[in-house]
C-alpha atoms as a PDB file:
ATOM      1  CA  MET A   1     127.460 118.824  96.344  1.00  0.00           C
ATOM      2  CA  THR A   2     126.930 116.681  93.282  1.00  0.00           C
ATOM      3  CA  SER A   3     129.734 115.035  91.387  1.00  0.00           C
ATOM      4  CA  VAL A   4     129.984 114.988  87.679  1.00  0.00           C
ATOM      5  CA  SER A   5     131.139 111.819  85.945  1.00  0.00           C
ATOM      6  CA  GLY A   6     133.322 112.198  82.877  1.00  0.00           C
ATOM      7  CA  PRO A   7     135.428 115.137  81.747  1.00  0.00           C
ATOM      8  CA  SER A   8     134.527 118.561  83.030  1.00  0.00           C
ATOM      9  CA  ASN A   9     133.273 121.071  80.543  1.00  0.00           C
ATOM     10  CA  ALA A  10     133.954 123.997  82.901  1.00  0.00           C
ATOM     11  CA  ARG A  11     137.462 124.593  81.506  1.00  0.00           C
ATOM     12  CA  SER A  12     136.392 124.381  77.853  1.00  0.00           C
ATOM     13  CA  MET A  13     133.456 126.690  78.529  1.00  0.00           C
ATOM     14  CA  SER A  14     135.772 129.290  80.063  1.00  0.00           C
ATOM     15  CA  VAL A  15     138.233 128.992  77.224  1.00  0.00           C
ATOM     16  CA  GLN A  16     135.487 129.455  74.646  1.00  0.00           C
ATOM     17  CA  SER A  17     134.131 132.576  76.354  1.00  0.00           C
ATOM     18  CA  THR A  18     137.592 134.289  76.257  1.00  0.00           C
ATOM     19  CA  GLN A  19     137.942 133.748  72.496  1.00  0.00           C
ATOM     20  CA  PRO A  20     136.466 136.593  70.459  1.00  0.00           C
ATOM     21  CA  THR A  21     133.471 135.977  68.214  1.00  0.00           C
ATOM     22  CA  VAL A  22     133.925 136.329  64.528  1.00  0.00           C
ATOM     23  CA  SER A  23     132.022 138.731  62.236  1.00  0.00           C
ATOM     24  CA  PRO A  24     129.794 137.135  59.588  1.00  0.00           C
ATOM     25  CA  SER A  25     132.030 138.385  56.755  1.00  0.00           C
ATOM     26  CA  LYS A  26     135.204 136.994  58.431  1.00  0.00           C
ATOM     27  CA  ALA A  27     133.424 133.699  59.173  1.00  0.00           C
ATOM     28  CA  LYS A  28     132.539 133.343  55.509  1.00  0.00           C
ATOM     29  CA  ALA A  29     136.133 134.190  54.512  1.00  0.00           C
ATOM     30  CA  ILE A  30     137.480 131.490  56.835  1.00  0.00           C
ATOM     31  CA  TRP A  31     135.308 128.617  55.492  1.00  0.00           C
ATOM     32  CA  GLN A  32     135.572 129.916  51.935  1.00  0.00           C
ATOM     33  CA  GLY A  33     139.349 129.881  52.235  1.00  0.00           C
ATOM     34  CA  GLU A  34     139.302 126.250  53.353  1.00  0.00           C
ATOM     35  CA  LEU A  35     136.970 125.321  50.500  1.00  0.00           C
ATOM     36  CA  ASP A  36     139.081 127.168  47.904  1.00  0.00           C
ATOM     37  CA  LYS A  37     142.214 125.402  49.165  1.00  0.00           C
ATOM     38  CA  ASP A  38     140.545 122.015  48.768  1.00  0.00           C
ATOM     39  CA  VAL A  39     139.273 122.898  45.264  1.00  0.00           C
ATOM     40  CA  ALA A  40     142.772 124.042  44.220  1.00  0.00           C
ATOM     41  CA  GLU A  41     144.284 120.734  45.464  1.00  0.00           C
ATOM     42  CA  ARG A  42     141.688 118.773  43.506  1.00  0.00           C
ATOM     43  CA  ASN A  43     142.329 120.846  40.323  1.00  0.00           C
ATOM     44  CA  ALA A  44     146.054 120.072  40.621  1.00  0.00           C
ATOM     45  CA  MET A  45     145.370 116.355  40.501  1.00  0.00           C
ATOM     46  CA  LYS A  46     145.485 114.397  37.251  1.00  0.00           C
ATOM     47  CA  ASN A  47     142.101 113.231  36.009  1.00  0.00           C
ATOM     48  CA  THR A  48     143.200 109.600  36.480  1.00  0.00           C
ATOM     49  CA  GLU A  49     143.617 110.015  40.271  1.00  0.00           C
ATOM     50  CA  VAL A  50     140.711 108.916  42.542  1.00  0.00           C
ATOM     51  CA  GLY A  51     140.343 112.274  44.264  1.00  0.00           C
ATOM     52  CA  TRP A  52     139.993 114.251  40.960  1.00  0.00           C
ATOM     53  CA  LEU A  53     136.527 115.650  40.309  1.00  0.00           C
ATOM     54  CA  ASN A  54     135.128 117.306  37.166  1.00  0.00           C
ATOM     55  CA  SER A  55     133.723 120.831  37.345  1.00  0.00           C
ATOM     56  CA  VAL A  56     130.101 119.698  37.751  1.00  0.00           C
ATOM     57  CA  ARG A  57     130.944 117.567  40.764  1.00  0.00           C
ATOM     58  CA  VAL A  58     133.112 120.306  42.298  1.00  0.00           C
ATOM     59  CA  ASP A  59     130.299 122.739  41.887  1.00  0.00           C
ATOM     60  CA  ASN A  60     127.881 120.302  43.573  1.00  0.00           C
ATOM     61  CA  TYR A  61     130.058 119.832  46.617  1.00  0.00           C
ATOM     62  CA  LYS A  62     130.871 123.533  46.901  1.00  0.00           C
ATOM     63  CA  LYS A  63     127.128 124.353  46.877  1.00  0.00           C
ATOM     64  CA  ASN A  64     126.481 121.702  49.540  1.00  0.00           C
ATOM     65  CA  VAL A  65     129.321 122.991  51.762  1.00  0.00           C
ATOM     66  CA  GLU A  66     128.097 126.541  51.361  1.00  0.00           C
ATOM     67  CA  THR A  67     124.524 125.592  52.341  1.00  0.00           C
ATOM     68  CA  ASP A  68     125.633 123.627  55.380  1.00  0.00           C
ATOM     69  CA  MET A  69     128.137 126.266  56.527  1.00  0.00           C
ATOM     70  CA  GLU A  70     125.492 128.974  56.320  1.00  0.00           C
ATOM     71  CA  LYS A  71     123.198 126.811  58.417  1.00  0.00           C
ATOM     72  CA  PHE A  72     126.045 126.146  60.885  1.00  0.00           C
ATOM     73  CA  LEU A  73     126.746 129.851  61.245  1.00  0.00           C
ATOM     74  CA  GLN A  74     123.086 130.700  61.814  1.00  0.00           C
ATOM     75  CA  GLU A  75     122.828 128.032  64.496  1.00  0.00           C
ATOM     76  CA  ASN A  76     126.212 129.064  66.040  1.00  0.00           C
ATOM     77  CA  PRO A  77     126.575 132.909  65.690  1.00  0.00           C
ATOM     78  CA  ASP A  78     129.246 132.950  68.464  1.00  0.00           C
ATOM     79  CA  ALA A  79     131.480 130.286  66.784  1.00  0.00           C
ATOM     80  CA  THR A  80     135.183 130.877  67.071  1.00  0.00           C
ATOM     81  CA  GLU A  81     137.556 130.816  64.174  1.00  0.00           C
ATOM     82  CA  ASP A  82     138.751 127.345  65.139  1.00  0.00           C
ATOM     83  CA  GLU A  83     135.223 126.011  65.326  1.00  0.00           C
ATOM     84  CA  ILE A  84     134.366 127.470  61.937  1.00  0.00           C
ATOM     85  CA  ARG A  85     137.507 126.065  60.359  1.00  0.00           C
ATOM     86  CA  GLU A  86     136.977 122.665  61.866  1.00  0.00           C
ATOM     87  CA  GLN A  87     133.367 122.486  60.785  1.00  0.00           C
ATOM     88  CA  ALA A  88     134.355 123.598  57.304  1.00  0.00           C
ATOM     89  CA  LYS A  89     136.971 120.800  57.002  1.00  0.00           C
ATOM     90  CA  GLN A  90     134.440 118.202  58.203  1.00  0.00           C
ATOM     91  CA  LEU A  91     131.833 119.362  55.636  1.00  0.00           C
ATOM     92  CA  ILE A  92     134.350 119.581  52.831  1.00  0.00           C
ATOM     93  CA  HIS A  93     135.479 116.033  53.571  1.00  0.00           C
ATOM     94  CA  LYS A  94     131.913 114.775  53.818  1.00  0.00           C
ATOM     95  CA  HIS A  95     130.608 116.322  50.598  1.00  0.00           C
ATOM     96  CA  SER A  96     133.733 115.761  48.469  1.00  0.00           C
ATOM     97  CA  MET A  97     133.772 112.078  49.504  1.00  0.00           C
ATOM     98  CA  HIS A  98     130.135 111.826  48.548  1.00  0.00           C
ATOM     99  CA  GLU A  99     130.999 113.103  45.067  1.00  0.00           C
ATOM    100  CA  ILE A 100     134.090 110.847  44.831  1.00  0.00           C
ATOM    101  CA  ILE A 101     131.982 107.809  45.608  1.00  0.00           C
ATOM    102  CA  GLY A 102     129.347 108.859  43.127  1.00  0.00           C
ATOM    103  CA  LYS A 103     132.099 109.266  40.466  1.00  0.00           C
ATOM    104  CA  MET A 104     133.489 105.865  41.264  1.00  0.00           C
ATOM    105  CA  SER A 105     130.073 104.303  40.977  1.00  0.00           C
ATOM    106  CA  ASP A 106     129.393 106.021  37.679  1.00  0.00           C
ATOM    107  CA  ASP A 107     132.769 104.929  36.327  1.00  0.00           C
ATOM    108  CA  TYR A 108     132.147 101.338  37.365  1.00  0.00           C
ATOM    109  CA  PHE A 109     128.766 101.125  35.625  1.00  0.00           C
ATOM    110  CA  LEU A 110     130.085 102.913  32.547  1.00  0.00           C
ATOM    111  CA  ASN A 111     132.917 100.400  32.288  1.00  0.00           C
ATOM    112  CA  LYS A 112     130.408  97.508  32.665  1.00  0.00           C
ATOM    113  CA  ILE A 113     128.293  99.031  29.847  1.00  0.00           C
ATOM    114  CA  MET A 114     131.283  99.416  27.608  1.00  0.00           C
ATOM    115  CA  GLN A 115     132.383  95.804  28.277  1.00  0.00           C
ATOM    116  CA  LYS A 116     128.926  94.500  27.453  1.00  0.00           C
ATOM    117  CA  THR A 117     128.791  96.585  24.295  1.00  0.00           C
ATOM    118  CA  LYS A 118     132.169  95.169  23.173  1.00  0.00           C
ATOM    119  CA  GLU A 119     131.027  91.578  23.896  1.00  0.00           C
ATOM    120  CA  LEU A 120     127.836  92.168  21.894  1.00  0.00           C
ATOM    121  CA  ARG A 121     129.776  93.573  18.980  1.00  0.00           C
ATOM    122  CA  GLU A 122     132.198  90.653  18.994  1.00  0.00           C
ATOM    123  CA  ASP A 123     129.252  88.157  19.143  1.00  0.00           C
ATOM    124  CA  MET A 124     127.510  89.833  16.241  1.00  0.00           C
ATOM    125  CA  TRP A 125     130.392  89.015  13.884  1.00  0.00           C
ATOM    126  CA  LYS A 126     130.825  85.361  14.908  1.00  0.00           C
END
């Protein structure tokens, strides 16, 4: 008999096999619901808050989440509701943070440009 080091996967495998698989339409409804909830929370933010994204950035991260979720569901056709929901949350976080960092970077450089423009205007009249 061989021993296995680390946690046993036998229990988790038996638990997974007892959970029913989800139809493709229900799987899409699950991850789409998580995405819609996140978009609604972002739309409720004021545009001065860090987490707020304009509609172009929201569309970008929604498209990226949709692409990755479709890939996940093709690779995992027997995924449970919990697995789908967890994967959706991870991808939403990943792609929304990417857009937030991009927005912050754009804002930073735009502010630097505006500062330099102001300095040049002031120097022109000295």
